[in-house]
């Protein structure tokens, strides 16, 4: 019984202390990856040669919001925004094939 109680306490402590720290380290990596992918985005091909600037502007805004959320300690929000940016970049790359 005491072992289960100790395990339960350890899990609860990890969820409050360890999990947010793990997310905090994930933000900069995701933001950096998104910045790198944005910089390496190829120009649009002829059939899809549409004006991507509105999409790119939205991506840059979300990337800045992800960095701002990370800076103020909103790591969950930062990870969510960075993942949205990566999804948008993936969509643009697939559209450009």
PDB file of N, CA and C in Angstrom:
ATOM      1  N   UNK A   1       0.822  -1.193   0.000  1.00  0.00           N
ATOM      2  CA  UNK A   1       0.000   0.000   0.000  1.00  0.00           C
ATOM      3  C   UNK A   1       0.868   1.259   0.000  1.00  0.00           C
ATOM      4  N   UNK A   2       1.930   1.235   0.788  1.00  0.00           N
ATOM      5  CA  UNK A   2       2.819   2.401   0.863  1.00  0.00           C
ATOM      6  C   UNK A   2       3.543   2.630  -0.464  1.00  0.00           C
ATOM      7  N   UNK A   3       3.878   1.536  -1.151  1.00  0.00           N
ATOM      8  CA  UNK A   3       4.571   1.667  -2.433  1.00  0.00           C
ATOM      9  C   UNK A   3       3.662   2.362  -3.446  1.00  0.00           C
ATOM     10  N   UNK A   4       2.401   1.957  -3.510  1.00  0.00           N
ATOM     11  CA  UNK A   4       1.465   2.579  -4.439  1.00  0.00           C
ATOM     12  C   UNK A   4       1.247   4.047  -4.118  1.00  0.00           C
ATOM     13  N   UNK A   5       1.216   4.358  -2.850  1.00  0.00           N
ATOM     14  CA  UNK A   5       1.046   5.754  -2.445  1.00  0.00           C
ATOM     15  C   UNK A   5       2.261   6.575  -2.883  1.00  0.00           C
ATOM     16  N   UNK A   6       3.453   6.008  -2.713  1.00  0.00           N
ATOM     17  CA  UNK A   6       4.675   6.704  -3.128  1.00  0.00           C
ATOM     18  C   UNK A   6       4.698   6.894  -4.644  1.00  0.00           C
ATOM     19  N   UNK A   7       4.278   5.879  -5.377  1.00  0.00           N
ATOM     20  CA  UNK A   7       4.228   5.981  -6.837  1.00  0.00           C
ATOM     21  C   UNK A   7       3.219   7.047  -7.253  1.00  0.00           C
ATOM     22  N   UNK A   8       2.077   7.061  -6.619  1.00  0.00           N
ATOM     23  CA  UNK A   8       1.054   8.058  -6.930  1.00  0.00           C
ATOM     24  C   UNK A   8       1.565   9.470  -6.661  1.00  0.00           C
ATOM     25  N   UNK A   9       2.224   9.662  -5.540  1.00  0.00           N
ATOM     26  CA  UNK A   9       2.788  10.979  -5.210  1.00  0.00           C
ATOM     27  C   UNK A   9       3.837  11.371  -6.244  1.00  0.00           C
ATOM     28  N   UNK A  10       4.678  10.427  -6.653  1.00  0.00           N
ATOM     29  CA  UNK A  10       5.713  10.719  -7.648  1.00  0.00           C
ATOM     30  C   UNK A  10       5.090  11.121  -8.983  1.00  0.00           C
ATOM     31  N   UNK A  11       4.055  10.429  -9.399  1.00  0.00           N
ATOM     32  CA  UNK A  11       3.390  10.749 -10.669  1.00  0.00           C
ATOM     33  C   UNK A  11       2.742  12.125 -10.604  1.00  0.00           C
ATOM     34  N   UNK A  12       2.085  12.415  -9.513  1.00  0.00           N
ATOM     35  CA  UNK A  12       1.438  13.725  -9.360  1.00  0.00           C
ATOM     36  C   UNK A  12       2.479  14.834  -9.358  1.00  0.00           C
ATOM     37  N   UNK A  13       3.569  14.643  -8.640  1.00  0.00           N
ATOM     38  CA  UNK A  13       4.626  15.662  -8.617  1.00  0.00           C
ATOM     39  C   UNK A  13       5.230  15.856  -9.997  1.00  0.00           C
ATOM     40  N   UNK A  14       5.474  14.761 -10.714  1.00  0.00           N
ATOM     41  CA  UNK A  14       6.048  14.888 -12.045  1.00  0.00           C
ATOM     42  C   UNK A  14       5.104  15.647 -12.961  1.00  0.00           C
ATOM     43  N   UNK A  15       3.810  15.363 -12.859  1.00  0.00           N
ATOM     44  CA  UNK A  15       2.864  16.028 -13.758  1.00  0.00           C
ATOM     45  C   UNK A  15       2.806  17.531 -13.512  1.00  0.00           C
ATOM     46  N   UNK A  16       3.026  17.946 -12.272  1.00  0.00           N
ATOM     47  CA  UNK A  16       2.997  19.384 -11.977  1.00  0.00           C
ATOM     48  C   UNK A  16       4.346  20.050 -12.180  1.00  0.00           C
ATOM     49  N   UNK A  17       5.424  19.331 -11.951  1.00  0.00           N
ATOM     50  CA  UNK A  17       6.747  19.936 -12.020  1.00  0.00           C
ATOM     51  C   UNK A  17       7.519  19.546 -13.268  1.00  0.00           C
ATOM     52  N   UNK A  18       7.462  18.303 -13.655  1.00  0.00           N
ATOM     53  CA  UNK A  18       8.271  17.815 -14.763  1.00  0.00           C
ATOM     54  C   UNK A  18       7.694  18.083 -16.125  1.00  0.00           C
ATOM     55  N   UNK A  19       6.408  17.895 -16.277  1.00  0.00           N
ATOM     56  CA  UNK A  19       5.788  18.044 -17.592  1.00  0.00           C
ATOM     57  C   UNK A  19       5.899  19.467 -18.135  1.00  0.00           C
ATOM     58  N   UNK A  20       5.608  20.516 -17.350  1.00  0.00           N
ATOM     59  CA  UNK A  20       5.763  21.870 -17.895  1.00  0.00           C
ATOM     60  C   UNK A  20       7.201  22.178 -18.303  1.00  0.00           C
ATOM     61  N   UNK A  21       8.159  21.645 -17.559  1.00  0.00           N
ATOM     62  CA  UNK A  21       9.560  21.873 -17.921  1.00  0.00           C
ATOM     63  C   UNK A  21       9.879  21.206 -19.251  1.00  0.00           C
ATOM     64  N   UNK A  22       9.331  20.031 -19.486  1.00  0.00           N
ATOM     65  CA  UNK A  22       9.564  19.341 -20.752  1.00  0.00           C
ATOM     66  C   UNK A  22       8.979  20.138 -21.910  1.00  0.00           C
ATOM     67  N   UNK A  23       7.807  20.715 -21.712  1.00  0.00           N
ATOM     68  CA  UNK A  23       7.185  21.531 -22.753  1.00  0.00           C
ATOM     69  C   UNK A  23       7.987  22.808 -22.972  1.00  0.00           C
ATOM     70  N   UNK A  24       8.548  23.357 -21.905  1.00  0.00           N
ATOM     71  CA  UNK A  24       9.329  24.591 -22.013  1.00  0.00           C
ATOM     72  C   UNK A  24      10.551  24.397 -22.895  1.00  0.00           C
ATOM     73  N   UNK A  25      11.144  23.219 -22.865  1.00  0.00           N
ATOM     74  CA  UNK A  25      12.316  22.960 -23.700  1.00  0.00           C
ATOM     75  C   UNK A  25      11.924  22.644 -25.138  1.00  0.00           C
ATOM     76  N   UNK A  26      10.682  22.282 -25.355  1.00  0.00           N
ATOM     77  CA  UNK A  26      10.213  21.935 -26.686  1.00  0.00           C
ATOM     78  C   UNK A  26       9.956  23.180 -27.534  1.00  0.00           C
ATOM     79  N   UNK A  27       9.524  24.262 -26.910  1.00  0.00           N
ATOM     80  CA  UNK A  27       9.167  25.489 -27.642  1.00  0.00           C
ATOM     81  C   UNK A  27      10.299  26.000 -28.536  1.00  0.00           C
ATOM     82  N   UNK A  28      11.493  26.251 -27.978  1.00  0.00           N
ATOM     83  CA  UNK A  28      12.544  26.821 -28.821  1.00  0.00           C
ATOM     84  C   UNK A  28      12.915  25.925 -29.996  1.00  0.00           C
ATOM     85  N   UNK A  29      12.875  24.618 -29.793  1.00  0.00           N
ATOM     86  CA  UNK A  29      13.211  23.698 -30.881  1.00  0.00           C
ATOM     87  C   UNK A  29      12.177  23.779 -31.998  1.00  0.00           C
ATOM     88  N   UNK A  30      10.908  23.816 -31.631  1.00  0.00           N
ATOM     89  CA  UNK A  30       9.856  23.908 -32.645  1.00  0.00           C
ATOM     90  C   UNK A  30       9.898  25.249 -33.371  1.00  0.00           C
ATOM     91  N   UNK A  31      10.129  26.318 -32.626  1.00  0.00           N
ATOM     92  CA  UNK A  31      10.198  27.650 -33.237  1.00  0.00           C
ATOM     93  C   UNK A  31      11.381  27.725 -34.194  1.00  0.00           C
ATOM     94  N   UNK A  32      12.527  27.212 -33.790  1.00  0.00           N
ATOM     95  CA  UNK A  32      13.726  27.216 -34.643  1.00  0.00           C
ATOM     96  C   UNK A  32      13.476  26.388 -35.903  1.00  0.00           C
ATOM     97  N   UNK A  33      12.859  25.230 -35.731  1.00  0.00           N
ATOM     98  CA  UNK A  33      12.559  24.376 -36.890  1.00  0.00           C
ATOM     99  C   UNK A  33      11.632  25.097 -37.861  1.00  0.00           C
ATOM    100  N   UNK A  34      10.614  25.778 -37.340  1.00  0.00           N
ATOM    101  CA  UNK A  34       9.684  26.518 -38.196  1.00  0.00           C
ATOM    102  C   UNK A  34      10.396  27.661 -38.912  1.00  0.00           C
ATOM    103  N   UNK A  35      11.275  28.371 -38.206  1.00  0.00           N
ATOM    104  CA  UNK A  35      12.033  29.454 -38.838  1.00  0.00           C
ATOM    105  C   UNK A  35      12.922  28.914 -39.956  1.00  0.00           C
ATOM    106  N   UNK A  36      13.585  27.788 -39.699  1.00  0.00           N
ATOM    107  CA  UNK A  36      14.448  27.183 -40.716  1.00  0.00           C
ATOM    108  C   UNK A  36      13.639  26.747 -41.934  1.00  0.00           C
ATOM    109  N   UNK A  37      12.490  26.117 -41.690  1.00  0.00           N
ATOM    110  CA  UNK A  37      11.653  25.661 -42.807  1.00  0.00           C
ATOM    111  C   UNK A  37      11.072  26.837 -43.586  1.00  0.00           C
ATOM    112  N   UNK A  38      10.748  27.916 -42.897  1.00  0.00           N
ATOM    113  CA  UNK A  38      10.237  29.109 -43.573  1.00  0.00           C
ATOM    114  C   UNK A  38      11.318  29.702 -44.471  1.00  0.00           C
ATOM    115  N   UNK A  39      12.551  29.740 -43.970  1.00  0.00           N
ATOM    116  CA  UNK A  39      13.656  30.269 -44.764  1.00  0.00           C
ATOM    117  C   UNK A  39      14.010  29.402 -45.958  1.00  0.00           C
ATOM    118  N   UNK A  40      13.752  28.103 -45.865  1.00  0.00           N
ATOM    119  CA  UNK A  40      14.104  27.173 -46.939  1.00  0.00           C
ATOM    120  C   UNK A  40      12.938  26.889 -47.880  1.00  0.00           C
ATOM    121  N   UNK A  41      11.860  27.620 -47.739  1.00  0.00           N
ATOM    122  CA  UNK A  41      10.678  27.388 -48.566  1.00  0.00           C
ATOM    123  C   UNK A  41      10.993  27.744 -50.017  1.00  0.00           C
ATOM    124  N   UNK A  42      10.791  26.812 -50.944  1.00  0.00           N
ATOM    125  CA  UNK A  42      11.096  27.112 -52.348  1.00  0.00           C
ATOM    126  C   UNK A  42      10.054  28.062 -52.936  1.00  0.00           C
ATOM    127  N   UNK A  43      10.423  28.768 -53.997  1.00  0.00           N
ATOM    128  CA  UNK A  43       9.438  29.642 -54.644  1.00  0.00           C
ATOM    129  C   UNK A  43       8.325  28.797 -55.262  1.00  0.00           C
ATOM    130  N   UNK A  44       7.148  29.373 -55.421  1.00  0.00           N
ATOM    131  CA  UNK A  44       6.042  28.599 -55.995  1.00  0.00           C
ATOM    132  C   UNK A  44       6.308  28.228 -57.448  1.00  0.00           C
ATOM    133  N   UNK A  45       5.845  27.054 -57.834  1.00  0.00           N
ATOM    134  CA  UNK A  45       5.975  26.612 -59.227  1.00  0.00           C
ATOM    135  C   UNK A  45       4.883  27.274 -60.067  1.00  0.00           C
ATOM    136  N   UNK A  46       5.049  27.204 -61.364  1.00  0.00           N
ATOM    137  CA  UNK A  46       4.155  27.912 -62.286  1.00  0.00           C
ATOM    138  C   UNK A  46       2.664  27.630 -62.067  1.00  0.00           C
ATOM    139  N   UNK A  47       2.221  26.362 -62.001  1.00  0.00           N
ATOM    140  CA  UNK A  47       0.768  26.168 -61.834  1.00  0.00           C
ATOM    141  C   UNK A  47       0.236  26.721 -60.514  1.00  0.00           C
ATOM    142  N   UNK A  48       1.071  26.710 -59.499  1.00  0.00           N
ATOM    143  CA  UNK A  48       0.632  27.217 -58.201  1.00  0.00           C
ATOM    144  C   UNK A  48       1.207  28.601 -57.910  1.00  0.00           C
ATOM    145  N   UNK A  49       1.614  29.293 -58.950  1.00  0.00           N
ATOM    146  CA  UNK A  49       2.264  30.584 -58.757  1.00  0.00           C
ATOM    147  C   UNK A  49       1.247  31.636 -58.333  1.00  0.00           C
ATOM    148  N   UNK A  50       0.707  31.423 -57.194  1.00  0.00           N
ATOM    149  CA  UNK A  50      -0.227  32.388 -56.626  1.00  0.00           C
ATOM    150  C   UNK A  50       0.539  33.256 -55.648  1.00  0.00           C
ATOM    151  N   UNK A  51      -0.060  34.317 -55.271  1.00  0.00           N
ATOM    152  CA  UNK A  51       0.570  35.197 -54.293  1.00  0.00           C
ATOM    153  C   UNK A  51       0.469  34.544 -52.917  1.00  0.00           C
ATOM    154  N   UNK A  52       1.598  34.059 -52.424  1.00  0.00           N
ATOM    155  CA  UNK A  52       1.634  33.403 -51.111  1.00  0.00           C
ATOM    156  C   UNK A  52       1.858  34.391 -49.988  1.00  0.00           C
ATOM    157  N   UNK A  53       2.039  35.635 -50.310  1.00  0.00           N
ATOM    158  CA  UNK A  53       2.407  36.609 -49.277  1.00  0.00           C
ATOM    159  C   UNK A  53       1.401  36.680 -48.125  1.00  0.00           C
ATOM    160  N   UNK A  54       0.087  36.620 -48.374  1.00  0.00           N
ATOM    161  CA  UNK A  54      -0.839  36.614 -47.227  1.00  0.00           C
ATOM    162  C   UNK A  54      -0.623  35.407 -46.304  1.00  0.00           C
ATOM    163  N   UNK A  55      -0.370  34.232 -46.903  1.00  0.00           N
ATOM    164  CA  UNK A  55      -0.095  33.042 -46.093  1.00  0.00           C
ATOM    165  C   UNK A  55       1.192  33.218 -45.296  1.00  0.00           C
ATOM    166  N   UNK A  56       2.223  33.735 -45.954  1.00  0.00           N
ATOM    167  CA  UNK A  56       3.514  33.914 -45.286  1.00  0.00           C
ATOM    168  C   UNK A  56       3.423  34.955 -44.176  1.00  0.00           C
ATOM    169  N   UNK A  57       2.611  35.981 -44.398  1.00  0.00           N
ATOM    170  CA  UNK A  57       2.425  36.996 -43.354  1.00  0.00           C
ATOM    171  C   UNK A  57       1.776  36.370 -42.122  1.00  0.00           C
ATOM    172  N   UNK A  58       0.750  35.548 -42.334  1.00  0.00           N
ATOM    173  CA  UNK A  58       0.087  34.864 -41.224  1.00  0.00           C
ATOM    174  C   UNK A  58       1.059  33.925 -40.506  1.00  0.00           C
ATOM    175  N   UNK A  59       1.883  33.231 -41.267  1.00  0.00           N
ATOM    176  CA  UNK A  59       2.878  32.333 -40.668  1.00  0.00           C
ATOM    177  C   UNK A  59       3.857  33.124 -39.809  1.00  0.00           C
ATOM    178  N   UNK A  60       4.342  34.244 -40.330  1.00  0.00           N
ATOM    179  CA  UNK A  60       5.290  35.064 -39.551  1.00  0.00           C
ATOM    180  C   UNK A  60       4.644  35.602 -38.275  1.00  0.00           C
ATOM    181  N   UNK A  61       3.374  36.013 -38.380  1.00  0.00           N
ATOM    182  CA  UNK A  61       2.660  36.514 -37.196  1.00  0.00           C
ATOM    183  C   UNK A  61       2.499  35.420 -36.140  1.00  0.00           C
ATOM    184  N   UNK A  62       2.128  34.218 -36.575  1.00  0.00           N
ATOM    185  CA  UNK A  62       1.963  33.111 -35.620  1.00  0.00           C
ATOM    186  C   UNK A  62       3.296  32.701 -35.020  1.00  0.00           C
ATOM    187  N   UNK A  63       4.346  32.772 -35.802  1.00  0.00           N
ATOM    188  CA  UNK A  63       5.681  32.445 -35.293  1.00  0.00           C
ATOM    189  C   UNK A  63       6.109  33.459 -34.243  1.00  0.00           C
ATOM    190  N   UNK A  64       5.835  34.736 -34.492  1.00  0.00           N
ATOM    191  CA  UNK A  64       6.142  35.775 -33.500  1.00  0.00           C
ATOM    192  C   UNK A  64       5.298  35.583 -32.243  1.00  0.00           C
ATOM    193  N   UNK A  65       4.037  35.190 -32.413  1.00  0.00           N
ATOM    194  CA  UNK A  65       3.173  34.933 -31.254  1.00  0.00           C
ATOM    195  C   UNK A  65       3.672  33.735 -30.456  1.00  0.00           C
ATOM    196  N   UNK A  66       4.185  32.721 -31.141  1.00  0.00           N
ATOM    197  CA  UNK A  66       4.741  31.550 -30.448  1.00  0.00           C
ATOM    198  C   UNK A  66       5.955  31.952 -29.620  1.00  0.00           C
ATOM    199  N   UNK A  67       6.814  32.794 -30.195  1.00  0.00           N
ATOM    200  CA  UNK A  67       7.994  33.255 -29.458  1.00  0.00           C
ATOM    201  C   UNK A  67       7.586  34.109 -28.263  1.00  0.00           C
ATOM    202  N   UNK A  68       6.601  34.980 -28.460  1.00  0.00           N
ATOM    203  CA  UNK A  68       6.130  35.829 -27.360  1.00  0.00           C
ATOM    204  C   UNK A  68       5.510  34.990 -26.245  1.00  0.00           C
ATOM    205  N   UNK A  69       4.739  33.973 -26.614  1.00  0.00           N
ATOM    206  CA  UNK A  69       4.142  33.093 -25.600  1.00  0.00           C
ATOM    207  C   UNK A  69       5.229  32.362 -24.826  1.00  0.00           C
ATOM    208  N   UNK A  70       6.255  31.906 -25.512  1.00  0.00           N
ATOM    209  CA  UNK A  70       7.368  31.227 -24.838  1.00  0.00           C
ATOM    210  C   UNK A  70       8.071  32.185 -23.881  1.00  0.00           C
ATOM    211  N   UNK A  71       8.295  33.405 -24.339  1.00  0.00           N
ATOM    212  CA  UNK A  71       9.007  34.391 -23.514  1.00  0.00           C
ATOM    213  C   UNK A  71       8.249  34.732 -22.236  1.00  0.00           C
ATOM    214  N   UNK A  72       6.927  34.719 -22.299  1.00  0.00           N
ATOM    215  CA  UNK A  72       6.155  35.053 -21.098  1.00  0.00           C
ATOM    216  C   UNK A  72       5.784  33.819 -20.279  1.00  0.00           C
ATOM    217  N   UNK A  73       6.235  32.644 -20.710  1.00  0.00           N
ATOM    218  CA  UNK A  73       6.009  31.426 -19.931  1.00  0.00           C
ATOM    219  C   UNK A  73       4.802  30.619 -20.349  1.00  0.00           C
ATOM    220  N   UNK A  74       4.152  30.993 -21.433  1.00  0.00           N
ATOM    221  CA  UNK A  74       2.996  30.238 -21.933  1.00  0.00           C
ATOM    222  C   UNK A  74       3.451  29.147 -22.878  1.00  0.00           C
ATOM    223  N   UNK A  75       4.111  28.146 -22.324  1.00  0.00           N
ATOM    224  CA  UNK A  75       4.763  27.139 -23.155  1.00  0.00           C
ATOM    225  C   UNK A  75       3.775  26.254 -23.910  1.00  0.00           C
ATOM    226  N   UNK A  76       2.655  25.934 -23.308  1.00  0.00           N
ATOM    227  CA  UNK A  76       1.650  25.133 -24.011  1.00  0.00           C
ATOM    228  C   UNK A  76       1.116  25.860 -25.235  1.00  0.00           C
ATOM    229  N   UNK A  77       0.835  27.144 -25.067  1.00  0.00           N
ATOM    230  CA  UNK A  77       0.357  27.968 -26.184  1.00  0.00           C
ATOM    231  C   UNK A  77       1.437  28.099 -27.255  1.00  0.00           C
ATOM    232  N   UNK A  78       2.680  28.262 -26.813  1.00  0.00           N
ATOM    233  CA  UNK A  78       3.795  28.395 -27.742  1.00  0.00           C
ATOM    234  C   UNK A  78       3.962  27.138 -28.591  1.00  0.00           C
ATOM    235  N   UNK A  79       3.893  25.981 -27.966  1.00  0.00           N
ATOM    236  CA  UNK A  79       4.012  24.713 -28.697  1.00  0.00           C
ATOM    237  C   UNK A  79       2.866  24.575 -29.691  1.00  0.00           C
ATOM    238  N   UNK A  80       1.662  24.925 -29.267  1.00  0.00           N
ATOM    239  CA  UNK A  80       0.486  24.839 -30.146  1.00  0.00           C
ATOM    240  C   UNK A  80       0.664  25.734 -31.372  1.00  0.00           C
ATOM    241  N   UNK A  81       1.088  26.977 -31.157  1.00  0.00           N
ATOM    242  CA  UNK A  81       1.276  27.912 -32.271  1.00  0.00           C
ATOM    243  C   UNK A  81       2.397  27.455 -33.201  1.00  0.00           C
ATOM    244  N   UNK A  82       3.503  26.997 -32.629  1.00  0.00           N
ATOM    245  CA  UNK A  82       4.624  26.538 -33.457  1.00  0.00           C
ATOM    246  C   UNK A  82       4.215  25.329 -34.293  1.00  0.00           C
ATOM    247  N   UNK A  83       3.444  24.423 -33.718  1.00  0.00           N
ATOM    248  CA  UNK A  83       2.968  23.265 -34.480  1.00  0.00           C
ATOM    249  C   UNK A  83       2.007  23.683 -35.583  1.00  0.00           C
ATOM    250  N   UNK A  84       1.179  24.698 -35.332  1.00  0.00           N
ATOM    251  CA  UNK A  84       0.290  25.217 -36.379  1.00  0.00           C
ATOM    252  C   UNK A  84       1.111  25.783 -37.535  1.00  0.00           C
ATOM    253  N   UNK A  85       2.173  26.509 -37.209  1.00  0.00           N
ATOM    254  CA  UNK A  85       3.047  27.070 -38.241  1.00  0.00           C
ATOM    255  C   UNK A  85       3.675  25.949 -39.061  1.00  0.00           C
ATOM    256  N   UNK A  86       4.166  24.915 -38.390  1.00  0.00           N
ATOM    257  CA  UNK A  86       4.771  23.791 -39.106  1.00  0.00           C
ATOM    258  C   UNK A  86       3.750  23.103 -40.010  1.00  0.00           C
ATOM    259  N   UNK A  87       2.512  22.989 -39.557  1.00  0.00           N
ATOM    260  CA  UNK A  87       1.456  22.405 -40.394  1.00  0.00           C
ATOM    261  C   UNK A  87       1.184  23.273 -41.621  1.00  0.00           C
ATOM    262  N   UNK A  88       1.148  24.594 -41.435  1.00  0.00           N
ATOM    263  CA  UNK A  88       0.919  25.503 -42.564  1.00  0.00           C
ATOM    264  C   UNK A  88       2.059  25.411 -43.576  1.00  0.00           C
ATOM    265  N   UNK A  89       3.291  25.340 -43.080  1.00  0.00           N
ATOM    266  CA  UNK A  89       4.439  25.217 -43.979  1.00  0.00           C
ATOM    267  C   UNK A  89       4.402  23.891 -44.730  1.00  0.00           C
ATOM    268  N   UNK A  90       4.001  22.840 -44.052  1.00  0.00           N
ATOM    269  CA  UNK A  90       3.880  21.533 -44.697  1.00  0.00           C
ATOM    270  C   UNK A  90       2.826  21.583 -45.802  1.00  0.00           C
ATOM    271  N   UNK A  91       1.716  22.266 -45.542  1.00  0.00           N
ATOM    272  CA  UNK A  91       0.666  22.414 -46.548  1.00  0.00           C
ATOM    273  C   UNK A  91       1.198  23.158 -47.775  1.00  0.00           C
ATOM    274  N   UNK A  92       1.950  24.225 -47.550  1.00  0.00           N
ATOM    275  CA  UNK A  92       2.504  25.002 -48.666  1.00  0.00           C
ATOM    276  C   UNK A  92       3.473  24.145 -49.475  1.00  0.00           C
ATOM    277  N   UNK A  93       4.314  23.378 -48.790  1.00  0.00           N
ATOM    278  CA  UNK A  93       5.261  22.512 -49.495  1.00  0.00           C
ATOM    279  C   UNK A  93       4.526  21.460 -50.334  1.00  0.00           C
ATOM    280  N   UNK A  94       3.489  20.841 -49.764  1.00  0.00           N
ATOM    281  CA  UNK A  94       2.725  19.830 -50.513  1.00  0.00           C
ATOM    282  C   UNK A  94       1.998  20.464 -51.697  1.00  0.00           C
ATOM    283  N   UNK A  95       1.503  21.665 -51.508  1.00  0.00           N
ATOM    284  CA  UNK A  95       0.793  22.380 -52.570  1.00  0.00           C
ATOM    285  C   UNK A  95       1.744  22.729 -53.714  1.00  0.00           C
ATOM    286  N   UNK A  96       3.008  22.861 -53.411  1.00  0.00           N
ATOM    287  CA  UNK A  96       4.003  23.322 -54.380  1.00  0.00           C
ATOM    288  C   UNK A  96       4.631  22.174 -55.172  1.00  0.00           C
ATOM    289  N   UNK A  97       4.180  20.959 -54.975  1.00  0.00           N
ATOM    290  CA  UNK A  97       4.775  19.817 -55.701  1.00  0.00           C
ATOM    291  C   UNK A  97       4.348  19.776 -57.132  1.00  0.00           C
TER     292      UNK A  97
END
